[in-house]
Amino acid sequence: MSEPRWRGDAHPIQSTDELVLWFEKAQRPDKHLIGTEQEKFGLYLADGMPTPVRYREHVLPTLEALRDRFGWAESKDRGVAGELIALERDGASITLEPGGQLELSGKPLPTVHDTCAEFTAHYEELHAVAKPMGVAWIACGFHPFATREEIDMMPKGRYAVMRSYLPTRGELALDMMLRTCTVQANFDYKDEAQCGRRMRLMLGVSSLITALFANSPFKEGQTVPAGPRGPVRSLRSATWEHVDPDRCGLLPWIFEGEFSWARYVDYALDVPMFFVKRGHHYHPHHVPFRRFLADGFVDPEGTTHRATQADWELHLSTLFPEVRIKPFIEIRGADSIGSQTVCALPALCKGLIYDDDARTAAWELVADLSFAERMDLWRRAREHGLSDPEVLTKSTQLLTLARAGLDRLDVRDSKGRTEARFLDSLDRQVARSATPAGDAIEKFGTSPGRSAEARRAIVEYFNFAGELA
């Protein structure tokens, strides 16, 4: 997505006014762009059993093949022992999540047509390198059969700190790190007021996005019961509620009073840090950023480090609400999903965010909810998906508004089609009151199991690219 006008640096922060300035520098007055990110799980065959990929044997060769065959460059970001852990090309990047999930962070692009073409190219490249390796990459929100113990932790310094600290904050933190995947959409803002309106809307409708993209019904080969309407549809979303209450969730203060950069800064200042990074080393440091700003950090050698803009930028990347502000607005409530539907998320959000009439009308769908009602809607969305009557009604209305917004924006491809065409897969879902997770449950039942046969069938069903040997 759009980069700030300057990057974080090593100069000590003198006042919180500089933290507000970070957001002001990221404002984009015109030509608002779109970015899309998608994560997927990798599998290979071990004695005939589909098994999570390992860094040395599968992930590293995948990165090297993408580099050698398709012009990706190695990132300066390296692993704890100098390992290759990321690639870059023309404003896009390929990175690794803690459990080896491969993430494409797309280039900021003018249209949904462009971002969808980018994902088509990514599929083709990943498929070309994965198939000869006997590796398959699947797109779903929670790993459908792997246990935590089966998954290889990637050699990134920040992940070692997170693996130690986050389980002290939430019982499912390691599941979040190792066994979840998402698709995200990113959007620009021109000023403080516009960012606030867009943030409030997307946090308000985040539950509906979770329902529409619910695609994680299985955990270790089983569904998880959720009452009379059947199993949980988004185990990824359910996992995030038990990660860290300081840095996750719906941000209740967004719905109270006027938004300002200063309020977001206050929120971020009071969230405990993961670490202080100096050079390539991550020093664990779990105090609120506000305290770090006041007192600094003394490393094991006795050197005192003051908080810098680079520290602030890194800290902001460790906040995980359902919608967050980086140098752009990042919408985080959807499960990872396959190539037939992945472009629906940026299309849906663009129709609501970049068209003022749609944004105003969409906010009216959720404006009167108390925060307790918002939390209840979020839980019902993840548990029941579109089988919940209120979730279905609001999701249907939201889709109608997004389609109208995209039609008014009237951005057409070479065949004369507007971006609204990317919503067709969601329209088919709401017409059946069905989620992708519900379709998977209908196909496999509630207990597909963890046998080699069951794993193969599930990999084929959720396949994004590649093929098991």
Protein backbone atom coordinates (compact mmCIF):
# COMPACT_ATOMS: atom_id res chain seq x y z
CA MET A 1 0.00 0.00 0.00
CA SER A 2 0.91 3.65 -0.05
CA GLU A 3 4.10 4.35 1.88
CA PRO A 4 4.47 7.29 4.27
CA ARG A 5 6.31 10.30 2.92
CA TRP A 6 9.28 9.29 5.11
CA ARG A 7 10.35 6.16 6.88
CA GLY A 8 10.95 5.69 10.61
CA ASP A 9 14.50 6.63 11.61
CA ALA A 10 16.89 6.40 14.53
CA HIS A 11 16.42 9.92 15.90
CA PRO A 12 14.97 9.89 19.44
CA ILE A 13 11.36 11.02 19.76
CA GLN A 14 11.09 14.32 21.61
CA SER A 15 7.31 14.50 22.13
CA THR A 16 4.07 12.70 21.32
CA ASP A 17 3.41 15.37 18.69
CA GLU A 18 5.94 13.53 16.54
CA LEU A 19 3.86 10.36 16.84
CA VAL A 20 0.82 12.19 15.51
CA LEU A 21 2.99 13.55 12.69
CA TRP A 22 3.69 9.96 11.60
CA PHE A 23 0.03 9.57 10.60
CA GLU A 24 -0.15 13.01 9.01
CA LYS A 25 2.83 12.16 6.81
CA ALA A 26 0.97 9.07 5.56
CA GLN A 27 -2.01 11.06 4.27
CA ARG A 28 -2.63 10.78 0.54
CA PRO A 29 -4.64 13.72 -0.84
CA ASP A 30 -5.61 12.07 -4.12
CA LYS A 31 -5.36 8.92 -6.23
CA HIS A 32 -6.31 6.56 -3.44
CA LEU A 33 -5.03 3.07 -4.15
CA ILE A 34 -5.86 -0.52 -3.19
CA GLY A 35 -3.64 -3.22 -1.76
CA THR A 36 -4.49 -6.86 -1.08
CA GLU A 37 -2.68 -9.42 1.08
CA GLN A 38 -3.25 -13.16 1.24
CA GLU A 39 -1.74 -15.96 3.33
CA LYS A 40 -1.81 -19.71 2.67
CA PHE A 41 -0.61 -22.94 4.28
CA GLY A 42 1.93 -25.22 2.59
CA LEU A 43 1.76 -29.03 2.61
CA TYR A 44 3.98 -31.84 1.34
CA LEU A 45 3.79 -35.64 1.46
CA ALA A 46 5.65 -37.47 4.24
CA ASP A 47 5.23 -41.25 3.81
CA GLY A 48 2.00 -40.58 1.95
CA MET A 49 0.65 -38.23 4.63
CA PRO A 50 0.03 -34.53 3.77
CA THR A 51 2.16 -32.68 6.32
CA PRO A 52 2.95 -28.99 6.98
CA VAL A 53 5.97 -27.68 5.09
CA ARG A 54 9.30 -27.12 6.82
CA TYR A 55 11.55 -24.13 6.30
CA ARG A 56 14.74 -25.79 5.05
CA GLU A 57 13.13 -28.48 2.93
CA HIS A 58 10.23 -26.59 1.35
CA VAL A 59 9.80 -22.92 2.22
CA LEU A 60 13.36 -21.84 1.46
CA PRO A 61 13.42 -23.69 -1.90
CA THR A 62 10.10 -22.04 -2.76
CA LEU A 63 11.51 -18.57 -2.10
CA GLU A 64 14.68 -19.39 -4.03
CA ALA A 65 12.70 -20.67 -7.01
CA LEU A 66 10.50 -17.57 -7.10
CA ARG A 67 13.66 -15.47 -6.96
CA ASP A 68 15.46 -17.37 -9.69
CA ARG A 69 12.55 -17.90 -12.09
CA PHE A 70 10.40 -14.80 -11.73
CA GLY A 71 12.64 -11.89 -10.87
CA TRP A 72 11.87 -11.51 -7.18
CA ALA A 73 14.72 -9.96 -5.18
CA GLU A 74 15.86 -10.98 -1.71
CA SER A 75 14.72 -8.59 1.02
CA LYS A 76 17.21 -6.99 3.38
CA ASP A 77 15.09 -8.42 6.21
CA ARG A 78 16.82 -11.65 7.23
CA GLY A 79 16.29 -14.48 9.69
CA VAL A 80 18.03 -14.98 13.01
CA ALA A 81 21.05 -16.58 11.30
CA GLY A 82 20.85 -14.61 8.06
CA GLU A 83 18.24 -16.86 6.43
CA LEU A 84 16.23 -15.77 3.40
CA ILE A 85 12.76 -14.96 4.74
CA ALA A 86 11.28 -12.41 2.31
CA LEU A 87 11.22 -11.33 -1.32
CA GLU A 88 10.43 -8.01 -3.01
CA ARG A 89 9.44 -6.96 -6.52
CA ASP A 90 8.09 -3.71 -7.87
CA GLY A 91 6.32 -2.62 -4.67
CA ALA A 92 5.03 -6.09 -3.71
CA SER A 93 6.51 -8.53 -1.22
CA ILE A 94 6.37 -12.20 -0.28
CA THR A 95 6.90 -12.86 3.43
CA LEU A 96 6.54 -15.67 5.96
CA GLU A 97 4.15 -15.89 8.87
CA PRO A 98 5.32 -17.78 12.00
CA GLY A 99 4.17 -21.24 10.91
CA GLY A 100 5.45 -21.01 7.34
CA GLN A 101 2.31 -19.42 5.94
CA LEU A 102 3.31 -17.71 2.70
CA GLU A 103 1.96 -14.17 2.31
CA LEU A 104 1.76 -12.04 -0.80
CA SER A 105 1.46 -8.36 0.08
CA GLY A 106 0.38 -6.82 -3.17
CA LYS A 107 1.60 -3.59 -4.69
CA PRO A 108 -0.63 -0.53 -4.16
CA LEU A 109 -2.69 -0.42 -7.35
CA PRO A 110 -5.35 1.88 -8.84
CA THR A 111 -8.15 -0.66 -9.40
CA VAL A 112 -9.52 -3.98 -8.21
CA HIS A 113 -9.00 -5.22 -11.77
CA ASP A 114 -5.29 -4.56 -11.29
CA THR A 115 -5.01 -6.19 -7.87
CA CYS A 116 -6.90 -9.25 -9.12
CA ALA A 117 -4.55 -9.55 -12.10
CA GLU A 118 -1.66 -9.39 -9.65
CA PHE A 119 -3.10 -12.33 -7.70
CA THR A 120 -3.62 -14.31 -10.90
CA ALA A 121 0.07 -13.83 -11.70
CA HIS A 122 1.00 -14.82 -8.14
CA TYR A 123 -1.02 -18.03 -8.45
CA GLU A 124 0.66 -18.88 -11.74
CA GLU A 125 4.16 -18.28 -10.37
CA LEU A 126 3.56 -20.14 -7.12
CA HIS A 127 1.93 -23.04 -8.93
CA ALA A 128 4.86 -23.25 -11.35
CA VAL A 129 7.43 -23.60 -8.55
CA ALA A 130 5.33 -25.64 -6.11
CA LYS A 131 4.08 -28.40 -8.39
CA PRO A 132 7.52 -29.85 -9.27
CA MET A 133 8.38 -29.84 -5.54
CA GLY A 134 5.27 -31.82 -4.67
CA VAL A 135 4.06 -28.95 -2.49
CA ALA A 136 0.48 -27.67 -2.33
CA TRP A 137 -0.60 -24.31 -0.90
CA ILE A 138 -4.12 -24.12 0.53
CA ALA A 139 -6.25 -21.08 1.33
CA CYS A 140 -8.44 -21.31 4.43
CA GLY A 141 -8.60 -19.46 7.73
CA PHE A 142 -7.47 -22.16 10.19
CA HIS A 143 -5.28 -25.17 9.47
CA PRO A 144 -7.80 -27.96 8.89
CA PHE A 145 -5.81 -30.87 10.32
CA ALA A 146 -2.31 -29.98 11.61
CA THR A 147 -1.51 -29.89 15.31
CA ARG A 148 0.73 -27.16 16.71
CA GLU A 149 3.51 -29.71 17.16
CA GLU A 150 3.54 -30.57 13.44
CA ILE A 151 4.30 -27.00 12.40
CA ASP A 152 7.82 -25.64 11.91
CA MET A 153 8.44 -22.16 13.36
CA MET A 154 10.04 -19.81 10.85
CA PRO A 155 13.49 -18.35 11.73
CA LYS A 156 12.44 -14.73 12.26
CA GLY A 157 13.68 -12.96 15.36
CA ARG A 158 10.40 -11.26 16.19
CA TYR A 159 8.55 -14.58 16.14
CA ALA A 160 10.74 -16.04 18.87
CA VAL A 161 9.81 -13.15 21.16
CA MET A 162 6.12 -13.40 20.26
CA ARG A 163 6.12 -17.15 20.85
CA SER A 164 7.41 -16.59 24.37
CA TYR A 165 5.27 -13.57 25.31
CA LEU A 166 1.87 -13.97 23.66
CA PRO A 167 0.86 -17.21 25.44
CA THR A 168 1.02 -15.21 28.68
CA ARG A 169 -1.71 -12.97 27.25
CA GLY A 170 -4.06 -15.45 25.59
CA GLU A 171 -4.56 -19.21 25.55
CA LEU A 172 -4.86 -19.42 21.75
CA ALA A 173 -1.97 -17.10 20.86
CA LEU A 174 0.16 -19.90 19.44
CA ASP A 175 -2.76 -21.08 17.32
CA MET A 176 -3.01 -17.57 15.89
CA MET A 177 0.68 -17.58 15.02
CA LEU A 178 0.94 -21.09 13.63
CA ARG A 179 -2.49 -22.15 12.42
CA THR A 180 -4.34 -19.12 11.00
CA CYS A 181 -4.37 -17.44 7.60
CA THR A 182 -6.15 -14.32 6.40
CA VAL A 183 -6.82 -12.15 3.39
CA GLN A 184 -6.63 -8.40 3.99
CA ALA A 185 -7.47 -5.27 2.04
CA ASN A 186 -5.73 -1.91 2.41
CA PHE A 187 -6.97 1.59 1.58
CA ASP A 188 -5.68 5.16 1.67
CA TYR A 189 -7.04 8.28 3.39
CA LYS A 190 -6.61 11.97 2.63
CA ASP A 191 -6.82 13.41 6.15
CA GLU A 192 -7.65 12.74 9.78
CA ALA A 193 -11.43 13.14 9.44
CA GLN A 194 -11.68 10.85 6.42
CA CYS A 195 -9.53 8.21 8.09
CA GLY A 196 -11.80 8.32 11.13
CA ARG A 197 -14.96 7.88 9.06
CA ARG A 198 -13.47 4.98 7.16
CA MET A 199 -12.06 3.33 10.29
CA ARG A 200 -15.37 3.61 12.15
CA LEU A 201 -17.33 2.15 9.23
CA MET A 202 -15.04 -0.80 8.65
CA LEU A 203 -14.85 -1.68 12.34
CA GLY A 204 -18.64 -1.39 12.43
CA VAL A 205 -19.17 -3.85 9.56
CA SER A 206 -16.15 -6.06 10.31
CA SER A 207 -18.42 -8.76 11.73
CA LEU A 208 -20.29 -8.97 8.43
CA ILE A 209 -17.02 -9.31 6.54
CA THR A 210 -16.07 -12.15 8.89
CA ALA A 211 -19.34 -13.91 8.08
CA LEU A 212 -19.11 -13.42 4.31
CA PHE A 213 -15.56 -14.79 4.18
CA ALA A 214 -15.89 -17.46 6.90
CA ASN A 215 -13.71 -20.29 5.62
CA SER A 216 -12.25 -22.13 8.61
CA PRO A 217 -14.58 -24.85 9.93
CA PHE A 218 -12.04 -27.57 10.81
CA LYS A 219 -9.47 -27.91 13.60
CA GLU A 220 -7.42 -31.12 13.71
CA GLY A 221 -9.96 -32.79 11.44
CA GLN A 222 -13.03 -31.82 13.47
CA THR A 223 -15.55 -29.01 13.62
CA VAL A 224 -16.14 -27.09 16.87
CA PRO A 225 -19.77 -27.01 18.08
CA ALA A 226 -21.49 -23.61 18.32
CA GLY A 227 -25.10 -24.30 19.22
CA PRO A 228 -28.25 -25.15 17.24
CA ARG A 229 -27.08 -23.55 13.97
CA GLY A 230 -24.15 -25.91 13.70
CA PRO A 231 -20.37 -25.65 14.04
CA VAL A 232 -18.19 -22.54 14.17
CA ARG A 233 -17.69 -21.16 10.66
CA SER A 234 -14.59 -19.04 11.34
CA LEU A 235 -12.21 -20.68 13.78
CA ARG A 236 -9.64 -18.06 12.76
CA SER A 237 -11.85 -15.28 14.10
CA ALA A 238 -12.66 -17.29 17.24
CA THR A 239 -8.93 -17.77 17.83
CA TRP A 240 -8.19 -14.04 17.66
CA GLU A 241 -10.51 -13.37 20.60
CA HIS A 242 -8.08 -15.31 22.82
CA VAL A 243 -4.74 -13.82 21.74
CA ASP A 244 -4.18 -10.55 23.63
CA PRO A 245 -6.97 -8.22 24.78
CA ASP A 246 -4.57 -5.26 24.83
CA ARG A 247 -3.96 -5.32 21.08
CA CYS A 248 -6.85 -7.20 19.44
CA GLY A 249 -10.59 -6.73 18.88
CA LEU A 250 -13.03 -4.01 17.81
CA LEU A 251 -11.63 -0.87 19.57
CA PRO A 252 -14.68 0.38 21.51
CA TRP A 253 -13.39 3.97 21.67
CA ILE A 254 -13.68 4.29 17.88
CA PHE A 255 -17.47 4.37 18.30
CA GLU A 256 -17.38 7.06 21.00
CA GLY A 257 -16.87 10.71 20.10
CA GLU A 258 -14.76 12.21 17.33
CA PHE A 259 -11.81 10.34 15.89
CA SER A 260 -8.37 11.94 16.00
CA TRP A 261 -4.79 10.88 15.44
CA ALA A 262 -4.14 11.80 19.07
CA ARG A 263 -6.71 9.26 20.27
CA TYR A 264 -5.16 6.50 18.15
CA VAL A 265 -1.73 7.50 19.48
CA ASP A 266 -3.04 7.29 23.07
CA TYR A 267 -4.41 3.82 22.36
CA ALA A 268 -1.10 2.64 20.87
CA LEU A 269 0.99 4.21 23.64
CA ASP A 270 -0.79 2.12 26.27
CA VAL A 271 -0.35 -1.24 24.50
CA PRO A 272 2.63 -3.23 25.85
CA MET A 273 5.48 -3.71 23.43
CA PHE A 274 6.82 -7.01 22.13
CA PHE A 275 10.43 -5.93 21.73
CA VAL A 276 13.00 -3.26 20.99
CA LYS A 277 14.90 -3.91 17.76
CA ARG A 278 18.49 -2.77 17.43
CA GLY A 279 20.36 -3.92 14.36
CA HIS A 280 19.03 -7.39 13.57
CA HIS A 281 18.38 -8.29 17.22
CA TYR A 282 14.99 -8.21 18.94
CA HIS A 283 15.27 -7.48 22.67
CA PRO A 284 12.14 -8.59 24.61
CA HIS A 285 10.62 -5.55 26.31
CA HIS A 286 7.00 -5.84 27.46
CA VAL A 287 6.15 -2.39 28.81
CA PRO A 288 3.66 0.09 27.31
CA PHE A 289 5.26 2.22 24.61
CA ARG A 290 4.43 5.25 26.76
CA ARG A 291 6.83 3.99 29.44
CA PHE A 292 9.52 3.19 26.87
CA LEU A 293 9.14 6.73 25.56
CA ALA A 294 9.68 8.13 29.06
CA ASP A 295 12.35 5.78 30.43
CA GLY A 296 14.11 4.23 27.46
CA PHE A 297 15.44 0.67 27.44
CA VAL A 298 18.68 -0.66 28.89
CA ASP A 299 20.04 -3.62 26.93
CA PRO A 300 22.01 -6.52 28.49
CA GLU A 301 25.29 -4.66 27.84
CA GLY A 302 24.07 -1.67 29.84
CA THR A 303 23.47 0.63 26.88
CA THR A 304 20.39 2.87 27.15
CA HIS A 305 18.25 3.16 24.03
CA ARG A 306 15.72 5.95 23.53
CA ALA A 307 12.48 5.47 21.60
CA THR A 308 12.77 6.41 17.91
CA GLN A 309 10.37 6.80 15.00
CA ALA A 310 11.56 3.39 13.79
CA ASP A 311 10.52 1.92 17.16
CA TRP A 312 7.11 3.57 16.86
CA GLU A 313 6.58 2.25 13.36
CA LEU A 314 7.54 -1.25 14.48
CA HIS A 315 5.25 -1.03 17.51
CA LEU A 316 2.29 -0.04 15.33
CA SER A 317 2.85 -3.23 13.31
CA THR A 318 2.30 -5.28 16.50
CA LEU A 319 -1.24 -3.96 17.09
CA PHE A 320 -3.86 -6.38 15.80
CA PRO A 321 -7.38 -4.90 15.97
CA GLU A 322 -9.88 -5.99 13.32
CA VAL A 323 -9.09 -2.77 11.44
CA ARG A 324 -5.85 -0.88 12.07
CA ILE A 325 -3.95 2.12 10.78
CA LYS A 326 -0.51 1.74 9.29
CA PRO A 327 0.41 4.13 6.50
CA PHE A 328 -3.04 2.99 5.28
CA ILE A 329 -6.24 1.46 6.66
CA GLU A 330 -5.88 -2.32 6.91
CA ILE A 331 -9.04 -4.46 7.05
CA ARG A 332 -8.27 -7.73 8.82
CA GLY A 333 -11.53 -9.58 9.49
CA ALA A 334 -11.61 -12.13 6.64
CA ASP A 335 -10.42 -15.72 6.48
CA SER A 336 -7.99 -16.64 3.73
CA ILE A 337 -9.92 -17.81 0.72
CA GLY A 338 -9.29 -19.23 -2.74
CA SER A 339 -8.69 -17.57 -6.06
CA GLN A 340 -12.38 -17.54 -7.02
CA THR A 341 -13.26 -15.21 -4.13
CA VAL A 342 -10.07 -13.48 -2.97
CA CYS A 343 -10.73 -10.41 -5.13
CA ALA A 344 -14.16 -9.98 -3.56
CA LEU A 345 -12.66 -8.53 -0.37
CA PRO A 346 -10.95 -5.48 -1.93
CA ALA A 347 -13.98 -4.99 -4.18
CA LEU A 348 -16.45 -5.08 -1.29
CA CYS A 349 -14.38 -2.71 0.82
CA LYS A 350 -13.65 -0.31 -2.03
CA GLY A 351 -17.34 0.03 -2.83
CA LEU A 352 -18.01 0.96 0.79
CA ILE A 353 -14.94 3.10 1.51
CA TYR A 354 -14.26 5.03 -1.69
CA ASP A 355 -17.90 5.92 -2.44
CA ASP A 356 -19.29 8.41 0.10
CA ASP A 357 -22.96 7.51 -0.47
CA ALA A 358 -22.28 3.82 0.13
CA ARG A 359 -20.17 4.60 3.19
CA THR A 360 -22.92 6.72 4.75
CA ALA A 361 -25.63 4.15 4.07
CA ALA A 362 -23.48 1.24 5.27
CA TRP A 363 -22.80 2.99 8.56
CA GLU A 364 -26.54 3.32 9.11
CA LEU A 365 -26.77 -0.49 9.13
CA VAL A 366 -24.75 -0.65 12.35
CA ALA A 367 -24.81 2.89 13.75
CA ASP A 368 -27.31 2.23 16.55
CA LEU A 369 -25.63 -0.84 18.04
CA SER A 370 -24.20 -0.67 21.53
CA PHE A 371 -20.71 -2.05 21.96
CA ALA A 372 -22.15 -5.13 23.68
CA GLU A 373 -24.37 -5.66 20.63
CA ARG A 374 -21.36 -5.24 18.32
CA MET A 375 -19.51 -7.95 20.23
CA ASP A 376 -22.54 -10.22 20.09
CA LEU A 377 -22.87 -9.68 16.33
CA TRP A 378 -19.17 -10.47 15.88
CA ARG A 379 -19.49 -13.75 17.79
CA ARG A 380 -22.65 -14.79 15.96
CA ALA A 381 -21.01 -13.95 12.62
CA ARG A 382 -18.03 -16.22 13.29
CA GLU A 383 -20.08 -19.00 14.84
CA HIS A 384 -23.13 -19.12 12.57
CA GLY A 385 -22.13 -17.18 9.49
CA LEU A 386 -24.99 -16.39 7.14
CA SER A 387 -27.32 -18.87 8.84
CA ASP A 388 -27.92 -16.18 11.48
CA PRO A 389 -30.94 -14.12 10.28
CA GLU A 390 -29.60 -10.72 11.35
CA VAL A 391 -26.14 -11.40 9.97
CA LEU A 392 -27.66 -12.54 6.67
CA THR A 393 -29.94 -9.51 6.37
CA LYS A 394 -27.21 -6.99 7.13
CA SER A 395 -24.69 -8.78 4.90
CA THR A 396 -27.14 -8.78 2.00
CA GLN A 397 -27.75 -5.07 2.46
CA LEU A 398 -24.02 -4.41 2.71
CA LEU A 399 -23.38 -6.22 -0.56
CA THR A 400 -26.10 -4.21 -2.30
CA LEU A 401 -24.56 -0.95 -1.09
CA ALA A 402 -21.04 -2.00 -2.11
CA ARG A 403 -22.22 -2.98 -5.59
CA ALA A 404 -23.98 0.36 -6.00
CA GLY A 405 -20.83 2.14 -4.84
CA LEU A 406 -18.66 0.31 -7.35
CA ASP A 407 -21.15 1.02 -10.12
CA ARG A 408 -21.04 4.73 -9.29
CA LEU A 409 -17.24 4.69 -9.26
CA ASP A 410 -17.55 3.04 -12.70
CA VAL A 411 -14.01 1.73 -13.11
CA ARG A 412 -14.05 -0.63 -16.09
CA ASP A 413 -11.68 -3.26 -17.43
CA SER A 414 -10.78 -3.82 -21.08
CA LYS A 415 -14.04 -5.74 -21.57
CA GLY A 416 -16.16 -2.90 -20.18
CA ARG A 417 -16.95 -4.60 -16.86
CA THR A 418 -17.05 -2.65 -13.60
CA GLU A 419 -15.35 -3.82 -10.42
CA ALA A 420 -18.77 -4.92 -9.13
CA ARG A 421 -18.29 -8.20 -11.00
CA PHE A 422 -15.92 -9.32 -8.25
CA LEU A 423 -18.88 -9.42 -5.85
CA ASP A 424 -20.71 -12.10 -7.85
CA SER A 425 -19.34 -14.96 -5.72
CA LEU A 426 -20.59 -13.25 -2.55
CA ASP A 427 -24.01 -12.66 -4.11
CA ARG A 428 -24.29 -16.39 -4.80
CA GLN A 429 -23.42 -17.13 -1.18
CA VAL A 430 -26.01 -14.82 0.36
CA ALA A 431 -28.64 -16.14 -2.05
CA ARG A 432 -28.08 -19.58 -0.46
CA SER A 433 -27.51 -18.25 3.09
CA ALA A 434 -24.20 -20.13 2.84
CA THR A 435 -20.59 -19.47 3.76
CA PRO A 436 -17.52 -21.17 2.28
CA ALA A 437 -17.14 -22.92 5.65
CA GLY A 438 -20.70 -24.19 5.48
CA ASP A 439 -20.05 -25.60 2.02
CA ALA A 440 -16.96 -27.42 3.34
CA ILE A 441 -18.98 -28.89 6.23
CA GLU A 442 -21.65 -30.02 3.78
CA LYS A 443 -19.00 -31.81 1.71
CA PHE A 444 -16.90 -33.39 4.48
CA GLY A 445 -19.29 -33.56 7.43
CA THR A 446 -18.39 -32.49 10.94
CA SER A 447 -15.60 -35.06 11.48
CA PRO A 448 -13.51 -35.60 8.36
CA GLY A 449 -10.62 -36.79 10.54
CA ARG A 450 -6.85 -36.68 10.07
CA SER A 451 -6.19 -39.79 7.99
CA ALA A 452 -4.04 -39.54 4.87
CA GLU A 453 -7.15 -39.92 2.72
CA ALA A 454 -9.02 -37.17 4.58
CA ARG A 455 -6.03 -34.85 4.45
CA ARG A 456 -5.62 -35.34 0.71
CA ALA A 457 -9.27 -34.58 0.08
CA ILE A 458 -9.14 -31.44 2.23
CA VAL A 459 -5.95 -30.22 0.54
CA GLU A 460 -7.56 -30.68 -2.86
CA TYR A 461 -10.69 -28.83 -1.71
CA PHE A 462 -8.86 -25.77 -0.34
CA ASN A 463 -6.06 -25.80 -2.93
CA PHE A 464 -4.73 -22.43 -4.06
CA ALA A 465 -1.58 -23.49 -5.94
CA GLY A 466 0.75 -26.44 -6.37
CA GLU A 467 0.02 -30.12 -6.09
CA LEU A 468 0.97 -32.95 -3.76
CA ALA A 469 3.26 -35.49 -5.42
